[in-house]
Amino acid sequence: MSTHSQYRAVLLLSIAQALANSCTSVVATISALTGQMLAADPRFATVPLGLQFIVTMAATIPVAHMMRSLGRRNTFFIGAMIGATGGALAMVAIYQNSFLLFCIANAVFGASNASALHLRFAAAEVADDAFRPKAISLVLAGGIVAAVIGPSLATVGTDLLAPFTFAGSFLFVALLSAAIMLPLVTVRFPQLTEAEVSGPQRPLVEILRQPITIAALFAGVFGYSTMVFVMTATPLAMKFCGFGVGDTAGVLSVHILGMFAPSFVTGHIIRRIGERRVLLAGAACLIATVAIGLAGIDILHFWFALVLLGIGWNFLFVGGTSLLTKCYRTAERAKMQGINDFLTFTGVAICSFIAGAVEQSWGWNAVLLGSLVPTILIVGAVFWGAPRQALAKPVSA
């Protein structure tokens, strides 16, 4: 694929990523608050969001194989329509004041997330070896749009269809999900080669036992899970501290900006200093998040803590994804991409489920201190599995 074609494909994938992440940021802003409004017990406020991540987890491996059998474009289209259905069901749940239906709506939306996760892998496939780290990070940079659009739409939609609070926000989720299909219509996805379809594959256990694989998985799984654990508890903690929906939306907006703004340079940084240092920098940002969060509960403490949480996630997610492409052969791609996302969203689902209960039962400080455990595991895995020297030549991702 020519350089021009690569950049064009990455741009279109970045637009699709921006739309997908805008949906996710709307849901992240208001799902726990909507759950608290509909649930009989406020401790169940994050259960709908947890169900969303469970379905994402369950769908990751089937979606990876759908990408292989139906092709990238068709699978992305199916995922977009499922996301639109989830947004519509959430609106109906609010109209009917049904916590059960709201849980189902979140679960349906979770299936669409499993599809959107592959936008970064699609970027790796349309790029050559030299451009691949930048392509991954540039597609994720589309999330910057989500930092502005997502929380703003959540705020505008809160009373848009009054007296049905938050129904308008989920209307935006449905519309944005359907719009994901538009930029993907003209993307030229590479055709599967014979090596990808029938090439030699190692047993999964053999791949997973590689130190480099463990480092990549720990960075992606624990980095994403820690981010979700803290982010999911943030709206509840801020409400307890007396902040309104607008303040919460503002904090989540800068958090999402922190998640995706570094993507313009993360790929370049990885090429210059390697995945190892980028992953350690990401872990350092998570530790700084805890320190700032424990220092106080003013709005600025939430702002700076959540910005650093976002930056830490970016370094760990992009660095982990880049490292993962060095762990498998061409024919092992679908298997390892599916396993990676399955493990990631297993952790994310668990953390989103328990975040509300931890915050409601033991407070914000317990959430912050709890996030240190996976962060320490990341540091240990990176020191062990990602040595200073060159690890391996990138495979065709």
Protein backbone atom coordinates (compact mmCIF):
# COMPACT_ATOMS: atom_id res chain seq x y z
CA MET A 1 0.00 0.00 0.00
CA SER A 2 1.39 3.42 -0.98
CA THR A 3 2.25 6.05 1.62
CA HIS A 4 -0.71 8.19 0.50
CA SER A 5 -3.09 5.26 0.78
CA GLN A 6 -1.79 4.41 4.25
CA TYR A 7 -2.34 7.94 5.52
CA ARG A 8 -5.79 8.13 3.96
CA ALA A 9 -6.85 4.82 5.52
CA VAL A 10 -5.51 5.84 8.93
CA LEU A 11 -7.37 9.18 8.73
CA LEU A 12 -10.68 7.44 7.98
CA LEU A 13 -10.10 4.89 10.73
CA SER A 14 -9.32 7.77 13.09
CA ILE A 15 -12.68 9.40 12.28
CA ALA A 16 -14.45 6.11 12.98
CA GLN A 17 -12.52 5.84 16.25
CA ALA A 18 -13.57 9.39 17.19
CA LEU A 19 -17.24 8.51 16.71
CA ALA A 20 -16.90 5.24 18.62
CA ASN A 21 -15.08 6.88 21.51
CA SER A 22 -17.62 9.71 21.62
CA CYS A 23 -20.30 7.09 22.24
CA THR A 24 -18.17 5.49 24.93
CA SER A 25 -17.48 8.80 26.66
CA VAL A 26 -21.18 9.70 26.73
CA VAL A 27 -21.95 6.35 28.34
CA ALA A 28 -19.02 6.68 30.79
CA THR A 29 -20.26 10.12 31.87
CA ILE A 30 -23.85 9.18 32.63
CA SER A 31 -24.21 5.40 32.91
CA ALA A 32 -23.46 5.24 36.64
CA LEU A 33 -25.67 8.27 37.30
CA THR A 34 -28.50 6.77 35.26
CA GLY A 35 -28.04 3.46 37.03
CA GLN A 36 -28.19 5.23 40.38
CA MET A 37 -31.41 6.96 39.27
CA LEU A 38 -33.09 3.72 38.17
CA ALA A 39 -31.73 1.21 40.69
CA ALA A 40 -33.50 0.39 43.93
CA ASP A 41 -30.13 0.27 45.70
CA PRO A 42 -27.48 2.91 44.81
CA ARG A 43 -24.73 0.32 45.30
CA PHE A 44 -25.91 -1.22 42.01
CA ALA A 45 -25.27 2.02 40.11
CA THR A 46 -22.29 0.66 38.15
CA VAL A 47 -23.81 -2.76 37.44
CA PRO A 48 -25.11 -1.71 33.96
CA LEU A 49 -21.65 -0.47 33.00
CA GLY A 50 -20.17 -3.67 34.36
CA LEU A 51 -22.55 -5.71 32.19
CA GLN A 52 -21.45 -3.67 29.20
CA PHE A 53 -17.84 -4.65 29.79
CA ILE A 54 -18.76 -8.30 30.43
CA VAL A 55 -20.47 -8.50 27.04
CA THR A 56 -17.50 -6.75 25.45
CA MET A 57 -15.28 -9.36 27.06
CA ALA A 58 -17.48 -12.23 25.86
CA ALA A 59 -17.68 -10.83 22.33
CA THR A 60 -13.97 -10.18 21.80
CA ILE A 61 -12.98 -13.65 20.55
CA PRO A 62 -16.08 -14.16 18.33
CA VAL A 63 -15.60 -10.68 16.85
CA ALA A 64 -11.92 -11.40 16.15
CA HIS A 65 -12.93 -14.48 14.15
CA MET A 66 -15.75 -12.54 12.43
CA MET A 67 -13.12 -10.07 11.29
CA ARG A 68 -11.28 -12.99 9.72
CA SER A 69 -14.33 -14.67 8.11
CA LEU A 70 -16.58 -11.69 7.19
CA GLY A 71 -13.88 -9.06 6.76
CA ARG A 72 -13.13 -5.86 8.66
CA ARG A 73 -15.73 -3.64 6.98
CA ASN A 74 -18.72 -5.96 7.36
CA THR A 75 -17.93 -6.66 11.00
CA PHE A 76 -17.49 -2.96 11.77
CA PHE A 77 -20.87 -2.27 10.16
CA ILE A 78 -22.57 -4.95 12.24
CA GLY A 79 -20.98 -3.52 15.38
CA ALA A 80 -22.18 0.00 14.54
CA MET A 81 -25.78 -1.12 14.17
CA ILE A 82 -25.62 -3.05 17.43
CA GLY A 83 -24.35 0.11 19.16
CA ALA A 84 -27.24 2.14 17.75
CA THR A 85 -29.66 -0.50 19.06
CA GLY A 86 -28.10 -0.27 22.53
CA GLY A 87 -28.55 3.50 22.60
CA ALA A 88 -32.18 3.20 21.57
CA LEU A 89 -32.87 0.55 24.23
CA ALA A 90 -31.35 2.79 26.91
CA MET A 91 -33.78 5.55 25.93
CA VAL A 92 -36.72 3.14 26.23
CA ALA A 93 -35.42 1.99 29.64
CA ILE A 94 -35.43 5.56 30.92
CA TYR A 95 -38.94 6.17 29.55
CA GLN A 96 -40.15 3.03 31.33
CA ASN A 97 -38.06 3.63 34.47
CA SER A 98 -36.67 0.10 34.07
CA PHE A 99 -33.30 -0.70 35.63
CA LEU A 100 -33.42 -4.20 34.10
CA LEU A 101 -33.90 -2.88 30.57
CA PHE A 102 -31.15 -0.33 31.16
CA CYS A 103 -28.83 -3.20 32.10
CA ILE A 104 -29.80 -4.99 28.87
CA ALA A 105 -29.16 -1.81 26.85
CA ASN A 106 -25.67 -1.48 28.31
CA ALA A 107 -25.01 -5.12 27.55
CA VAL A 108 -26.06 -4.67 23.91
CA PHE A 109 -23.84 -1.60 23.59
CA GLY A 110 -20.97 -3.68 24.97
CA ALA A 111 -21.08 -5.93 21.90
CA SER A 112 -20.45 -2.93 19.66
CA ASN A 113 -17.40 -2.00 21.75
CA ALA A 114 -15.82 -5.35 20.91
CA SER A 115 -15.97 -4.40 17.24
CA ALA A 116 -14.62 -0.84 17.70
CA LEU A 117 -11.60 -2.21 19.57
CA HIS A 118 -10.33 -3.62 16.27
CA LEU A 119 -9.97 -0.19 14.67
CA ARG A 120 -6.44 0.01 16.11
CA PHE A 121 -5.59 -3.44 14.76
CA ALA A 122 -7.00 -2.42 11.37
CA ALA A 123 -4.63 0.55 11.47
CA ALA A 124 -1.71 -1.82 12.08
CA GLU A 125 -2.73 -3.83 9.02
CA VAL A 126 -2.93 -0.89 6.60
CA ALA A 127 0.52 0.35 7.68
CA ASP A 128 4.01 -0.95 6.94
CA ASP A 129 6.47 -1.87 9.71
CA ALA A 130 7.96 1.62 9.99
CA PHE A 131 4.61 3.41 10.12
CA ARG A 132 2.79 0.86 12.33
CA PRO A 133 3.36 2.37 15.83
CA LYS A 134 2.35 5.81 14.52
CA ALA A 135 -0.68 4.39 12.72
CA ILE A 136 -1.94 2.76 15.92
CA SER A 137 -1.44 5.93 17.95
CA LEU A 138 -2.90 8.23 15.27
CA VAL A 139 -6.10 6.18 15.07
CA LEU A 140 -6.40 6.36 18.84
CA ALA A 141 -5.84 10.12 18.55
CA GLY A 142 -9.33 10.27 17.09
CA GLY A 143 -10.45 10.00 20.70
CA ILE A 144 -9.54 13.66 21.19
CA VAL A 145 -12.81 14.50 19.47
CA ALA A 146 -14.53 12.33 22.07
CA ALA A 147 -12.99 14.44 24.84
CA VAL A 148 -14.91 17.44 23.55
CA ILE A 149 -18.02 15.90 22.02
CA GLY A 150 -18.78 13.06 24.44
CA PRO A 151 -19.17 14.80 27.81
CA SER A 152 -20.70 17.85 26.11
CA LEU A 153 -23.38 15.71 24.46
CA ALA A 154 -23.95 13.95 27.77
CA THR A 155 -24.57 17.31 29.42
CA VAL A 156 -26.77 18.68 26.63
CA GLY A 157 -28.72 15.45 26.43
CA THR A 158 -29.37 15.29 30.18
CA ASP A 159 -32.51 17.44 29.96
CA LEU A 160 -33.00 17.42 26.17
CA LEU A 161 -35.99 15.08 26.43
CA ALA A 162 -37.18 16.29 29.86
CA PRO A 163 -38.68 15.07 32.10
CA PHE A 164 -36.86 11.88 31.05
CA THR A 165 -33.41 12.66 32.46
CA PHE A 166 -30.48 11.35 30.37
CA ALA A 167 -32.75 10.01 27.57
CA GLY A 168 -31.42 12.65 25.17
CA SER A 169 -27.85 11.60 25.94
CA PHE A 170 -28.57 8.06 24.79
CA LEU A 171 -30.24 9.41 21.66
CA PHE A 172 -26.83 10.85 20.79
CA VAL A 173 -25.26 7.44 21.48
CA ALA A 174 -27.61 5.80 18.97
CA LEU A 175 -26.92 8.42 16.27
CA LEU A 176 -23.14 8.44 16.72
CA SER A 177 -23.01 4.64 16.65
CA ALA A 178 -24.80 4.50 13.31
CA ALA A 179 -22.50 7.21 11.94
CA ILE A 180 -19.42 5.00 12.47
CA MET A 181 -20.23 3.25 9.19
CA LEU A 182 -19.78 6.38 7.07
CA PRO A 183 -15.96 6.83 7.12
CA LEU A 184 -15.39 3.08 6.72
CA VAL A 185 -17.22 2.79 3.39
CA THR A 186 -14.17 3.75 1.33
CA VAL A 187 -11.35 2.29 3.46
CA ARG A 188 -9.33 -0.29 1.49
CA PHE A 189 -8.68 -3.08 3.95
CA PRO A 190 -5.92 -5.52 2.90
CA GLN A 191 -7.08 -8.89 1.61
CA LEU A 192 -6.20 -11.92 3.70
CA THR A 193 -3.11 -13.72 2.43
CA GLU A 194 -2.58 -17.48 2.34
CA ALA A 195 -0.15 -17.17 5.25
CA GLU A 196 -2.84 -15.43 7.33
CA VAL A 197 -5.44 -18.08 6.56
CA SER A 198 -3.41 -21.31 6.66
CA GLY A 199 0.05 -20.41 7.91
CA PRO A 200 1.75 -22.26 10.79
CA GLN A 201 0.46 -21.53 14.28
CA ARG A 202 1.97 -22.30 17.65
CA PRO A 203 -0.12 -23.54 20.59
CA LEU A 204 -1.68 -20.65 22.51
CA VAL A 205 0.11 -21.64 25.72
CA GLU A 206 3.48 -21.39 23.96
CA ILE A 207 2.71 -17.83 22.81
CA LEU A 208 1.41 -16.77 26.21
CA ARG A 209 4.48 -18.12 28.01
CA GLN A 210 6.80 -15.69 26.24
CA PRO A 211 8.03 -12.96 28.63
CA ILE A 212 7.37 -10.33 25.97
CA THR A 213 3.76 -11.51 25.65
CA ILE A 214 3.28 -11.35 29.41
CA ALA A 215 4.66 -7.80 29.49
CA ALA A 216 2.36 -6.72 26.64
CA LEU A 217 -0.70 -8.33 28.21
CA PHE A 218 -0.03 -6.97 31.70
CA ALA A 219 0.37 -3.46 30.30
CA GLY A 220 -2.84 -3.64 28.28
CA VAL A 221 -5.01 -5.61 30.70
CA PHE A 222 -4.04 -3.99 34.00
CA GLY A 223 -3.55 -0.53 32.49
CA TYR A 224 -7.05 -0.50 30.97
CA SER A 225 -8.66 -2.11 34.04
CA THR A 226 -7.07 0.37 36.44
CA MET A 227 -8.18 3.30 34.32
CA VAL A 228 -11.79 2.03 34.20
CA PHE A 229 -11.80 1.27 37.94
CA VAL A 230 -10.89 4.86 38.83
CA MET A 231 -12.89 6.50 36.04
CA THR A 232 -16.10 4.58 36.84
CA ALA A 233 -15.95 5.61 40.51
CA THR A 234 -15.21 9.26 39.71
CA PRO A 235 -18.80 10.44 38.97
CA LEU A 236 -20.01 8.87 42.21
CA ALA A 237 -17.15 10.36 44.24
CA MET A 238 -17.71 13.80 42.73
CA LYS A 239 -21.43 13.65 43.43
CA PHE A 240 -20.68 12.77 47.07
CA CYS A 241 -18.34 15.78 47.19
CA GLY A 242 -21.17 18.05 46.02
CA PHE A 243 -20.25 18.50 42.35
CA GLY A 244 -22.95 18.54 39.64
CA VAL A 245 -23.22 16.76 36.30
CA GLY A 246 -21.54 19.67 34.52
CA ASP A 247 -18.49 19.50 36.80
CA THR A 248 -18.29 15.74 36.37
CA ALA A 249 -18.58 16.08 32.59
CA GLY A 250 -15.76 18.63 32.63
CA VAL A 251 -13.46 16.33 34.59
CA LEU A 252 -14.22 13.37 32.34
CA SER A 253 -13.67 15.58 29.32
CA VAL A 254 -10.11 16.45 30.35
CA HIS A 255 -9.60 12.80 31.33
CA ILE A 256 -10.54 11.66 27.82
CA LEU A 257 -8.33 14.40 26.40
CA GLY A 258 -5.49 12.98 28.49
CA MET A 259 -6.30 9.52 27.14
CA PHE A 260 -6.06 10.43 23.47
CA ALA A 261 -4.11 13.69 23.00
CA PRO A 262 -0.75 11.96 23.58
CA SER A 263 -1.54 9.65 20.66
CA PHE A 264 -0.19 12.25 18.24
CA VAL A 265 3.28 11.64 19.66
CA THR A 266 3.14 8.25 21.43
CA GLY A 267 4.02 6.32 18.27
CA HIS A 268 6.97 8.64 17.62
CA ILE A 269 8.12 8.29 21.24
CA ILE A 270 7.94 4.49 20.98
CA ARG A 271 10.14 4.53 17.87
CA ARG A 272 12.73 6.70 19.64
CA ILE A 273 12.90 5.17 23.14
CA GLY A 274 11.09 1.84 22.81
CA GLU A 275 8.02 0.28 24.36
CA ARG A 276 9.73 -0.46 27.67
CA ARG A 277 10.28 3.15 28.70
CA VAL A 278 6.88 4.22 27.43
CA LEU A 279 5.19 1.52 29.52
CA LEU A 280 7.14 2.53 32.64
CA ALA A 281 6.18 6.17 32.05
CA GLY A 282 2.54 5.07 31.87
CA ALA A 283 2.82 3.27 35.21
CA ALA A 284 4.42 6.38 36.73
CA CYS A 285 1.41 8.42 35.61
CA LEU A 286 -0.94 6.00 37.38
CA ILE A 287 1.08 6.35 40.58
CA ALA A 288 0.94 10.16 40.26
CA THR A 289 -2.85 9.87 39.84
CA VAL A 290 -3.10 8.18 43.22
CA ALA A 291 -0.86 10.76 44.89
CA ILE A 292 -2.87 13.72 43.60
CA GLY A 293 -6.20 12.06 44.36
CA LEU A 294 -5.17 11.39 47.95
CA ALA A 295 -4.00 15.00 48.36
CA GLY A 296 -7.54 16.46 48.29
CA ILE A 297 -11.04 16.52 46.84
CA ASP A 298 -11.16 19.97 45.25
CA ILE A 299 -12.16 20.18 41.60
CA LEU A 300 -8.51 20.70 40.60
CA HIS A 301 -7.48 17.48 42.35
CA PHE A 302 -10.03 15.58 40.28
CA TRP A 303 -8.94 17.38 37.11
CA PHE A 304 -5.22 16.70 37.42
CA ALA A 305 -5.66 13.16 38.74
CA LEU A 306 -7.95 12.18 35.87
CA VAL A 307 -5.69 13.82 33.25
CA LEU A 308 -2.72 11.79 34.47
CA LEU A 309 -4.93 8.69 34.59
CA GLY A 310 -5.71 9.25 30.90
CA ILE A 311 -2.07 9.79 29.93
CA GLY A 312 -1.04 6.66 31.83
CA TRP A 313 -3.70 4.64 30.02
CA ASN A 314 -2.51 5.96 26.64
CA PHE A 315 1.12 5.02 27.19
CA LEU A 316 0.16 1.56 28.47
CA PHE A 317 -2.46 0.86 25.82
CA VAL A 318 -0.51 2.08 22.79
CA GLY A 319 2.78 0.69 24.09
CA GLY A 320 1.15 -2.62 24.97
CA THR A 321 -0.53 -2.88 21.57
CA SER A 322 2.74 -2.12 19.79
CA LEU A 323 4.56 -4.71 21.90
CA LEU A 324 1.82 -7.27 21.24
CA THR A 325 2.41 -7.10 17.47
CA LYS A 326 5.91 -8.49 18.15
CA CYS A 327 4.56 -11.55 19.96
CA TYR A 328 2.71 -13.47 17.25
CA ARG A 329 3.05 -14.74 13.70
CA THR A 330 0.78 -13.66 10.86
CA ALA A 331 -1.53 -16.67 11.10
CA GLU A 332 -1.78 -16.21 14.88
CA ARG A 333 -3.11 -12.65 14.57
CA ALA A 334 -6.86 -13.26 15.08
CA LYS A 335 -6.20 -15.67 17.95
CA MET A 336 -3.92 -13.31 19.86
CA GLN A 337 -5.92 -10.16 19.17
CA GLY A 338 -9.03 -11.92 20.45
CA ILE A 339 -7.27 -13.26 23.55
CA ASN A 340 -5.74 -9.85 24.29
CA ASP A 341 -9.08 -8.07 24.21
CA PHE A 342 -10.83 -10.91 26.06
CA LEU A 343 -8.38 -10.67 28.95
CA THR A 344 -8.47 -6.89 28.89
CA PHE A 345 -12.23 -6.71 29.19
CA THR A 346 -12.36 -9.47 31.76
CA GLY A 347 -10.35 -7.15 33.98
CA VAL A 348 -12.36 -4.11 32.88
CA ALA A 349 -15.66 -5.85 33.64
CA ILE A 350 -14.54 -6.88 37.12
CA CYS A 351 -13.26 -3.39 37.91
CA SER A 352 -16.37 -1.63 36.63
CA PHE A 353 -18.57 -3.94 38.69
CA ILE A 354 -16.72 -3.40 41.94
CA ALA A 355 -15.85 0.29 41.48
CA GLY A 356 -19.25 1.52 42.64
CA ALA A 357 -19.38 -0.82 45.62
CA VAL A 358 -15.84 0.09 46.71
CA GLU A 359 -16.51 3.82 46.42
CA GLN A 360 -19.89 3.63 48.16
CA SER A 361 -18.64 1.33 50.94
CA TRP A 362 -15.11 2.58 51.65
CA GLY A 363 -14.75 5.88 49.81
CA TRP A 364 -12.64 7.51 47.12
CA ASN A 365 -9.33 6.91 48.88
CA ALA A 366 -9.95 3.15 48.84
CA VAL A 367 -10.46 3.31 45.07
CA LEU A 368 -7.17 5.13 44.62
CA LEU A 369 -5.16 2.87 46.90
CA GLY A 370 -6.66 -0.24 45.29
CA SER A 371 -5.40 0.89 41.88
CA LEU A 372 -1.80 0.66 43.09
CA VAL A 373 -1.85 -3.16 43.11
CA PRO A 374 -2.22 -3.68 39.32
CA THR A 375 0.17 -0.79 38.68
CA ILE A 376 2.91 -2.56 40.64
CA LEU A 377 2.23 -5.75 38.66
CA ILE A 378 2.66 -3.80 35.40
CA VAL A 379 6.04 -2.46 36.51
CA GLY A 380 7.24 -5.93 37.48
CA ALA A 381 6.11 -7.51 34.20
CA VAL A 382 7.73 -4.78 32.09
CA PHE A 383 11.08 -5.05 33.88
CA TRP A 384 11.00 -8.84 33.43
CA GLY A 385 9.49 -9.21 29.96
CA ALA A 386 10.58 -6.07 28.12
CA PRO A 387 14.39 -5.79 28.49
CA ARG A 388 16.35 -2.82 27.28
CA GLN A 389 17.68 -4.48 24.15
CA ALA A 390 15.65 -4.96 20.99
CA LEU A 391 13.04 -7.60 21.65
CA ALA A 392 12.11 -8.84 18.21
CA LYS A 393 11.42 -7.59 14.78
CA PRO A 394 7.79 -6.56 14.29
CA VAL A 395 5.72 -9.17 12.53
CA SER A 396 3.11 -8.35 9.94
CA ALA A 397 0.29 -7.29 12.24
